[in-house]
Amino acid sequence: MRLRHVLPLLAATVLAGCGTFADPTRWLGSYTVEKPTELGPAPTRLGVSTVWSTDTGSGTEGQRLNLVARVDGDRVYTADADGRVVAVDSGSGRVVWQTETKLDVTGGPGVGEGMVLVGTSNAEVAALDAATGALRWTTRVSSEVLAAPAAAQGTVVIHTMDGRLAGHDAADGKARWLYDRLASGLGLRGSSSPVIVGSRAVSGMAGGKLVAIELANGAPAWETTVTVPSGRSELARVVDIAGDPLVALGNIYVGTYNAEVASVDPGSGQVGWRKKLSSYAGLAADSRAVYASDDRGVVWALDAHSGAALWKQEGLRARRLSGPAAVGDYVVVGDFEGYVHWLSAHDGSFVARSRVGSAPITAQPQAVGTTVFVLGDKGDLAALRPAGGAAN
């Protein structure tokens, strides 16, 4: 039995590196004590069409893996737990290429520098040619990779489960620099994926830290404490940043489990505002608001400039929501039964419901123009579009 098949079977915590990691959807938050909200009749205020759907492989195989749909140009890239990496035409759903890497993929894909990048449970990162799917290189890192690697300006940035950020040469995968901030204590089983902001990589870390690292040499530009652990028990003090930072509206927005959502200045790292809200599934934004689904299944709209709550929707409590996507006048979230819920961005009311298979939707939906790409945990990938939405 492979390591990635063993991890979710543990009843409480998993020892990884020098930190102990937990899956909040299995034993923290409301999901263990609340019965999932039952759905009523589907709302019909908005028509939603399935533009296309396709099978991209085995998905996560029931594991808590960070496997997402990554949209880049006219393609959508996916990876499954068995190592299949697929490129799909975003307009038609046609499979452009697929590569069987035979790796135990746990994180990705990331895209950049003409490559598609995946991380594995065996402390490897593989780079495939984005145009053809041909394997360019593989490289070893210090521990399991659950975050999607990022690449820009000749550097691939990798966040490993032991709390390190590693910079590797995009041409051949050779190590160039290492930012070492070892994880300690309890944390979520997951890692924030680095995002590129100018000449820096920004990533959330265990303990509620957000860091910006220079791509050229790995030097820290700044490190910010987004939130400070509090509470009497070790569990109550878990404040991991497991969701990816969101770069929007000239700011970096980040959510922390068991703590806060915050706005951070990308130049200085200074925190602009904080809102008490426990989130680990990723954020979305439009010109007015930042959207989050919290660890209890409540969807929030926060004022992008102040953090004040504009509305919240509690009709999906304990339904194990994905992170949200913002598309036009709507906010989209997936749930544990494969349903895709469409909410009004103005007041949070339900306007439509779709379904992408019967498997949970853990990966955050991706919105490009008026199209939302949704990946289910069993590898079902669909492009959805609201009525009146034109092709991208």
Protein backbone atom coordinates (compact mmCIF):
# COMPACT_ATOMS: atom_id res chain seq x y z
CA MET A 1 0.00 0.00 0.00
CA ARG A 2 1.44 3.37 -1.04
CA LEU A 3 1.98 6.14 1.49
CA ARG A 4 -0.69 8.41 0.02
CA HIS A 5 -3.24 5.61 0.52
CA VAL A 6 -2.31 5.25 4.19
CA LEU A 7 -2.50 8.88 5.31
CA PRO A 8 -6.27 9.43 5.32
CA LEU A 9 -6.89 6.23 7.29
CA LEU A 10 -5.40 7.65 10.46
CA ALA A 11 -8.05 8.58 12.97
CA ALA A 12 -6.68 11.86 14.16
CA THR A 13 -3.36 13.24 12.97
CA VAL A 14 -0.62 12.45 10.52
CA LEU A 15 3.05 12.85 11.25
CA ALA A 16 4.76 14.55 8.32
CA GLY A 17 8.22 16.08 8.49
CA CYS A 18 8.51 17.80 11.85
CA GLY A 19 4.90 18.92 12.02
CA THR A 20 1.64 17.07 12.60
CA PHE A 21 -1.05 17.68 10.00
CA ALA A 22 -4.83 17.29 10.13
CA ASP A 23 -7.60 17.23 7.55
CA PRO A 24 -10.24 19.70 8.78
CA THR A 25 -13.02 18.20 6.68
CA ARG A 26 -12.63 14.90 8.48
CA TRP A 27 -12.31 15.79 12.13
CA LEU A 28 -12.27 19.55 12.75
CA GLY A 29 -15.02 22.14 12.38
CA SER A 30 -18.72 21.50 12.14
CA TYR A 31 -18.60 18.64 9.64
CA THR A 32 -18.20 16.00 12.35
CA VAL A 33 -21.10 17.25 14.46
CA GLU A 34 -23.55 18.82 12.03
CA LYS A 35 -25.73 16.95 9.61
CA PRO A 36 -25.28 18.37 6.10
CA THR A 37 -28.08 20.72 5.14
CA GLU A 38 -30.61 18.99 2.93
CA LEU A 39 -31.22 20.66 -0.40
CA GLY A 40 -34.67 21.83 -1.37
CA PRO A 41 -35.98 22.28 -4.92
CA ALA A 42 -33.38 23.68 -7.29
CA PRO A 43 -33.66 27.45 -7.73
CA THR A 44 -34.60 28.51 -11.27
CA ARG A 45 -33.85 32.23 -11.39
CA LEU A 46 -30.85 31.57 -13.66
CA GLY A 47 -30.38 29.13 -16.50
CA VAL A 48 -27.01 27.38 -16.53
CA SER A 49 -25.76 25.29 -19.44
CA THR A 50 -23.09 22.61 -19.48
CA VAL A 51 -20.94 23.65 -22.43
CA TRP A 52 -19.02 20.37 -22.32
CA SER A 53 -17.87 17.70 -19.90
CA THR A 54 -15.10 15.11 -20.07
CA ASP A 55 -13.37 12.44 -17.99
CA THR A 56 -9.81 13.36 -17.04
CA GLY A 57 -8.86 10.25 -15.05
CA SER A 58 -9.23 8.84 -11.56
CA GLY A 59 -9.16 12.15 -9.71
CA THR A 60 -8.09 12.12 -6.07
CA GLU A 61 -9.07 8.48 -5.42
CA GLY A 62 -10.86 9.62 -2.29
CA GLN A 63 -7.76 11.18 -0.77
CA ARG A 64 -7.39 14.76 0.48
CA LEU A 65 -5.08 15.86 -2.35
CA ASN A 66 -4.58 19.28 -3.88
CA LEU A 67 -5.48 18.38 -7.48
CA VAL A 68 -7.08 21.27 -9.33
CA ALA A 69 -8.17 22.38 -12.79
CA ARG A 70 -5.61 24.92 -13.99
CA VAL A 71 -6.68 27.21 -16.84
CA ASP A 72 -3.96 28.73 -19.00
CA GLY A 73 -4.78 30.33 -22.33
CA ASP A 74 -7.05 28.05 -24.34
CA ARG A 75 -6.31 24.94 -22.29
CA VAL A 76 -7.35 23.41 -18.98
CA TYR A 77 -4.80 21.15 -17.30
CA THR A 78 -5.59 18.45 -14.73
CA ALA A 79 -3.73 15.66 -12.96
CA ASP A 80 -4.93 12.58 -11.10
CA ALA A 81 -3.56 10.55 -8.19
CA ASP A 82 -2.21 7.86 -10.55
CA GLY A 83 -0.04 10.32 -12.40
CA ARG A 84 -2.13 11.03 -15.47
CA VAL A 85 -1.76 14.64 -16.63
CA VAL A 86 -4.28 15.88 -19.20
CA ALA A 87 -4.59 18.97 -21.37
CA VAL A 88 -8.13 19.83 -22.49
CA ASP A 89 -9.20 22.44 -25.03
CA SER A 90 -11.13 24.98 -22.97
CA GLY A 91 -13.59 25.79 -25.75
CA SER A 92 -14.59 22.30 -26.87
CA GLY A 93 -13.59 19.92 -24.07
CA ARG A 94 -11.46 17.92 -26.52
CA VAL A 95 -8.47 16.16 -24.94
CA VAL A 96 -5.38 17.67 -26.59
CA TRP A 97 -2.89 15.32 -24.94
CA GLN A 98 -2.54 13.08 -21.93
CA THR A 99 0.62 11.74 -20.33
CA GLU A 100 0.92 8.79 -17.96
CA THR A 101 3.74 9.83 -15.64
CA LYS A 102 3.19 6.83 -13.31
CA LEU A 103 3.93 9.11 -10.36
CA ASP A 104 1.94 9.33 -7.13
CA VAL A 105 0.73 12.86 -7.79
CA THR A 106 -0.51 14.78 -4.75
CA GLY A 107 -0.32 18.43 -5.81
CA GLY A 108 -0.93 20.40 -8.98
CA PRO A 109 -0.90 21.05 -11.72
CA GLY A 110 0.85 24.39 -11.82
CA VAL A 111 1.68 26.13 -15.09
CA GLY A 112 4.37 28.54 -16.21
CA GLU A 113 7.45 28.89 -18.39
CA GLY A 114 5.82 26.67 -21.00
CA MET A 115 5.46 23.80 -18.52
CA VAL A 116 2.86 21.88 -16.56
CA LEU A 117 4.16 20.99 -13.07
CA VAL A 118 3.04 18.37 -10.55
CA GLY A 119 4.29 17.31 -7.12
CA THR A 120 4.25 13.84 -5.58
CA SER A 121 4.01 11.99 -2.28
CA ASN A 122 7.55 10.73 -2.91
CA ALA A 123 9.12 14.20 -2.75
CA GLU A 124 9.38 14.70 -6.49
CA VAL A 125 8.34 17.40 -8.93
CA ALA A 126 7.82 16.64 -12.61
CA ALA A 127 7.76 19.19 -15.45
CA LEU A 128 5.90 18.42 -18.68
CA ASP A 129 5.92 20.42 -21.89
CA ALA A 130 2.67 22.40 -21.94
CA ALA A 131 2.28 22.08 -25.71
CA THR A 132 2.91 18.33 -26.09
CA GLY A 133 2.84 16.69 -22.65
CA ALA A 134 6.38 15.35 -23.08
CA LEU A 135 8.32 14.97 -19.84
CA ARG A 136 11.05 17.60 -19.58
CA TRP A 137 12.55 16.75 -16.20
CA THR A 138 11.95 15.47 -12.68
CA THR A 139 13.66 16.67 -9.53
CA ARG A 140 13.84 15.68 -5.88
CA VAL A 141 12.73 17.94 -3.04
CA SER A 142 12.81 17.63 0.74
CA SER A 143 9.35 16.14 1.37
CA GLU A 144 5.86 15.43 -0.04
CA VAL A 145 4.38 18.13 -2.28
CA LEU A 146 0.68 18.94 -1.84
CA ALA A 147 0.90 22.47 -3.25
CA ALA A 148 0.85 23.27 -6.94
CA PRO A 149 4.31 24.46 -8.05
CA ALA A 150 4.56 27.89 -9.68
CA ALA A 151 6.99 29.02 -12.39
CA ALA A 152 8.09 32.39 -13.74
CA GLN A 153 11.27 34.22 -14.77
CA GLY A 154 13.24 31.01 -15.12
CA THR A 155 12.43 29.71 -11.65
CA VAL A 156 10.10 26.98 -10.39
CA VAL A 157 8.90 27.54 -6.81
CA ILE A 158 7.88 24.50 -4.76
CA HIS A 159 6.22 24.48 -1.33
CA THR A 160 6.90 21.21 0.48
CA MET A 161 5.03 19.73 3.44
CA ASP A 162 7.97 20.27 5.80
CA GLY A 163 7.53 24.03 5.52
CA ARG A 164 10.18 24.85 2.92
CA LEU A 165 10.02 26.88 -0.28
CA ALA A 166 12.48 25.66 -2.90
CA GLY A 167 13.55 27.44 -6.06
CA HIS A 168 14.61 25.24 -8.99
CA ASP A 169 15.88 26.13 -12.44
CA ALA A 170 13.02 26.00 -14.95
CA ALA A 171 15.32 24.70 -17.69
CA ASP A 172 16.55 21.53 -16.00
CA GLY A 173 14.98 21.32 -12.52
CA LYS A 174 18.23 21.78 -10.63
CA ALA A 175 18.00 23.34 -7.17
CA ARG A 176 18.93 27.02 -6.96
CA TRP A 177 17.85 28.22 -3.52
CA LEU A 178 15.95 27.16 -0.39
CA TYR A 179 13.86 29.16 2.04
CA ASP A 180 13.68 27.08 5.19
CA ARG A 181 10.91 27.63 7.69
CA LEU A 182 10.28 24.26 9.34
CA ALA A 183 6.70 23.46 10.33
CA SER A 184 6.00 22.61 13.95
CA GLY A 185 2.97 21.64 15.99
CA LEU A 186 -0.43 20.90 14.52
CA GLY A 187 -1.35 22.07 11.06
CA LEU A 188 -3.74 21.16 8.28
CA ARG A 189 -2.90 18.42 5.83
CA GLY A 190 -2.29 20.74 2.93
CA SER A 191 0.00 23.52 1.74
CA SER A 192 -0.64 26.92 0.27
CA SER A 193 0.45 27.03 -3.36
CA PRO A 194 2.90 29.82 -4.21
CA VAL A 195 1.64 32.62 -6.45
CA ILE A 196 3.83 34.92 -8.52
CA VAL A 197 3.55 38.65 -7.80
CA GLY A 198 5.99 40.60 -9.94
CA SER A 199 9.49 39.35 -9.21
CA ARG A 200 8.43 37.51 -6.05
CA ALA A 201 6.70 34.32 -4.99
CA VAL A 202 4.12 34.72 -2.22
CA SER A 203 3.03 31.74 -0.14
CA GLY A 204 1.10 31.03 3.02
CA MET A 205 2.88 29.04 5.70
CA ALA A 206 2.02 27.14 8.86
CA GLY A 207 1.36 29.23 11.93
CA GLY A 208 -0.50 31.97 10.07
CA LYS A 209 2.53 33.41 8.25
CA LEU A 210 2.57 34.86 4.75
CA VAL A 211 5.95 35.31 3.04
CA ALA A 212 7.25 36.95 -0.14
CA ILE A 213 10.43 35.49 -1.62
CA GLU A 214 12.60 36.94 -4.39
CA LEU A 215 12.49 34.61 -7.40
CA ALA A 216 16.07 35.38 -8.37
CA ASN A 217 17.79 34.28 -5.17
CA GLY A 218 15.26 33.10 -2.59
CA ALA A 219 15.84 36.07 -0.28
CA PRO A 220 12.80 36.95 1.84
CA ALA A 221 11.33 40.33 0.86
CA TRP A 222 8.96 40.28 3.80
CA GLU A 223 7.26 37.92 6.23
CA THR A 224 3.94 38.84 7.81
CA THR A 225 1.97 37.30 10.64
CA VAL A 226 -1.54 37.29 9.22
CA THR A 227 -2.99 36.01 12.46
CA VAL A 228 -1.71 34.96 15.88
CA PRO A 229 -2.66 31.54 17.35
CA SER A 230 -5.00 31.70 20.31
CA GLY A 231 -6.99 29.28 22.43
CA ARG A 232 -6.23 26.93 25.29
CA SER A 233 -5.78 23.66 23.43
CA GLU A 234 -3.35 22.82 20.66
CA LEU A 235 -6.26 22.14 18.32
CA ALA A 236 -7.73 25.57 19.04
CA ARG A 237 -4.37 27.12 18.12
CA VAL A 238 -4.21 25.67 14.59
CA VAL A 239 -4.06 28.70 12.26
CA ASP A 240 -2.63 27.27 9.06
CA ILE A 241 -2.79 29.08 5.73
CA ALA A 242 -3.73 26.13 3.51
CA GLY A 243 -5.61 28.02 0.79
CA ASP A 244 -3.77 29.81 -1.99
CA PRO A 245 -3.22 33.57 -1.68
CA LEU A 246 -5.46 35.58 -4.00
CA VAL A 247 -3.96 38.50 -5.90
CA ALA A 248 -6.71 40.95 -6.84
CA LEU A 249 -7.56 44.66 -6.79
CA GLY A 250 -3.95 45.58 -6.03
CA ASN A 251 -3.88 43.49 -2.84
CA ILE A 252 -3.14 39.99 -1.63
CA TYR A 253 -6.05 38.33 0.15
CA VAL A 254 -5.48 35.30 2.32
CA GLY A 255 -7.62 33.05 4.51
CA THR A 256 -6.46 31.17 7.59
CA TYR A 257 -8.03 28.14 9.18
CA ASN A 258 -9.46 28.78 12.66
CA ALA A 259 -8.70 32.49 12.44
CA GLU A 260 -9.15 35.28 9.89
CA VAL A 261 -9.33 36.46 6.30
CA ALA A 262 -6.98 39.37 5.70
CA SER A 263 -5.88 41.91 3.12
CA VAL A 264 -2.12 42.32 2.69
CA ASP A 265 -0.13 44.95 0.78
CA PRO A 266 2.01 43.12 -1.83
CA GLY A 267 4.88 45.60 -1.60
CA SER A 268 5.38 45.80 2.15
CA GLY A 269 3.49 42.82 3.57
CA GLN A 270 1.54 45.14 5.84
CA VAL A 271 -1.91 43.85 6.84
CA GLY A 272 -4.67 46.24 5.78
CA TRP A 273 -7.68 44.59 7.41
CA ARG A 274 -8.66 41.38 9.15
CA LYS A 275 -12.04 39.67 9.42
CA LYS A 276 -12.69 36.87 11.91
CA LEU A 277 -13.56 33.95 9.63
CA SER A 278 -12.10 30.44 9.42
CA SER A 279 -11.38 29.45 5.83
CA TYR A 280 -9.00 27.00 4.15
CA ALA A 281 -10.57 26.41 0.71
CA GLY A 282 -9.42 29.49 -1.23
CA LEU A 283 -10.89 32.90 -1.99
CA ALA A 284 -12.36 34.71 -5.00
CA ALA A 285 -12.98 38.37 -5.76
CA ASP A 286 -14.68 40.78 -8.12
CA SER A 287 -14.48 44.57 -8.27
CA ARG A 288 -16.49 44.95 -5.07
CA ALA A 289 -16.04 41.99 -2.76
CA VAL A 290 -13.90 39.09 -1.62
CA TYR A 291 -15.76 35.78 -1.35
CA ALA A 292 -15.00 32.89 1.02
CA SER A 293 -16.60 29.64 2.09
CA ASP A 294 -15.82 28.99 5.74
CA ASP A 295 -15.15 25.75 7.57
CA ARG A 296 -18.84 25.44 8.52
CA GLY A 297 -20.15 25.70 4.98
CA VAL A 298 -21.20 29.35 5.15
CA VAL A 299 -20.47 31.50 2.09
CA TRP A 300 -19.40 35.08 2.80
CA ALA A 301 -19.03 38.30 0.81
CA LEU A 302 -16.60 40.76 2.39
CA ASP A 303 -16.03 44.33 1.30
CA ALA A 304 -12.72 44.23 -0.57
CA HIS A 305 -11.54 47.52 0.93
CA SER A 306 -12.58 47.15 4.56
CA GLY A 307 -13.35 43.47 5.24
CA ALA A 308 -16.87 44.32 6.43
CA ALA A 309 -19.41 41.55 5.83
CA LEU A 310 -21.74 42.40 2.95
CA TRP A 311 -23.78 39.19 3.22
CA LYS A 312 -23.55 35.56 4.24
CA GLN A 313 -25.41 32.50 2.97
CA GLU A 314 -25.99 29.75 5.55
CA GLY A 315 -28.12 27.46 3.39
CA LEU A 316 -25.20 25.12 2.64
CA ARG A 317 -23.96 24.47 6.17
CA ALA A 318 -21.87 21.33 6.62
CA ARG A 319 -21.96 20.52 2.89
CA ARG A 320 -18.13 20.57 2.70
CA LEU A 321 -17.87 23.40 0.25
CA SER A 322 -15.11 24.10 -2.21
CA GLY A 323 -13.61 27.53 -2.44
CA PRO A 324 -15.74 29.96 -4.44
CA ALA A 325 -15.42 31.35 -7.95
CA ALA A 326 -16.72 34.74 -9.03
CA VAL A 327 -18.25 34.93 -12.51
CA GLY A 328 -20.09 38.08 -13.54
CA ASP A 329 -22.98 38.70 -11.17
CA TYR A 330 -22.64 35.28 -9.52
CA VAL A 331 -20.63 33.32 -6.97
CA VAL A 332 -20.16 29.59 -7.54
CA VAL A 333 -19.28 26.87 -4.99
CA GLY A 334 -19.20 23.08 -5.19
CA ASP A 335 -20.21 20.63 -2.47
CA PHE A 336 -19.63 17.06 -1.27
CA GLU A 337 -22.34 15.57 -3.50
CA GLY A 338 -21.12 17.09 -6.76
CA TYR A 339 -23.61 19.95 -6.80
CA VAL A 340 -22.57 23.38 -8.03
CA HIS A 341 -24.45 26.20 -6.32
CA TRP A 342 -24.92 29.57 -8.01
CA LEU A 343 -25.45 32.55 -5.70
CA SER A 344 -26.21 36.16 -6.46
CA ALA A 345 -23.09 38.24 -5.92
CA HIS A 346 -25.30 41.11 -4.76
CA ASP A 347 -27.11 39.47 -1.83
CA GLY A 348 -26.03 35.79 -1.64
CA SER A 349 -29.41 34.38 -2.59
CA PHE A 350 -29.55 31.12 -4.55
CA VAL A 351 -30.23 31.51 -8.26
CA ALA A 352 -29.36 28.11 -9.79
CA ARG A 353 -27.97 24.63 -9.14
CA SER A 354 -25.93 22.39 -11.45
CA ARG A 355 -24.28 19.03 -10.97
CA VAL A 356 -20.93 17.67 -12.10
CA GLY A 357 -21.07 13.94 -11.37
CA SER A 358 -21.78 12.56 -7.91
CA ALA A 359 -18.30 12.88 -6.41
CA PRO A 360 -17.35 15.68 -4.03
CA ILE A 361 -16.03 18.90 -5.52
CA THR A 362 -12.98 19.72 -3.45
CA ALA A 363 -11.04 21.75 -6.01
CA GLN A 364 -11.96 25.41 -6.24
CA PRO A 365 -13.88 26.12 -9.49
CA GLN A 366 -12.03 28.35 -11.94
CA ALA A 367 -13.81 31.22 -13.71
CA VAL A 368 -12.55 32.65 -16.98
CA GLY A 369 -14.80 35.25 -18.55
CA THR A 370 -18.33 33.87 -18.33
CA THR A 371 -17.28 30.22 -18.12
CA VAL A 372 -16.68 28.24 -14.92
CA PHE A 373 -14.53 25.11 -15.04
CA VAL A 374 -15.40 22.59 -12.32
CA LEU A 375 -13.37 19.48 -11.45
CA GLY A 376 -14.93 16.69 -9.37
CA ASP A 377 -12.88 14.42 -7.13
CA LYS A 378 -13.38 11.48 -9.52
CA GLY A 379 -11.90 13.38 -12.46
CA ASP A 380 -15.10 14.73 -14.02
CA LEU A 381 -14.31 18.09 -15.62
CA ALA A 382 -17.07 20.36 -16.90
CA ALA A 383 -17.39 23.84 -18.36
CA LEU A 384 -20.53 25.65 -17.16
CA ARG A 385 -21.95 28.93 -18.39
CA PRO A 386 -24.86 31.06 -17.16
CA ALA A 387 -27.61 32.01 -19.58
CA GLY A 388 -26.62 34.98 -21.69
CA GLY A 389 -22.92 34.31 -21.16
CA ALA A 390 -20.93 34.52 -24.38
CA ALA A 391 -18.10 32.15 -25.28
CA ASN A 392 -14.72 33.37 -24.01
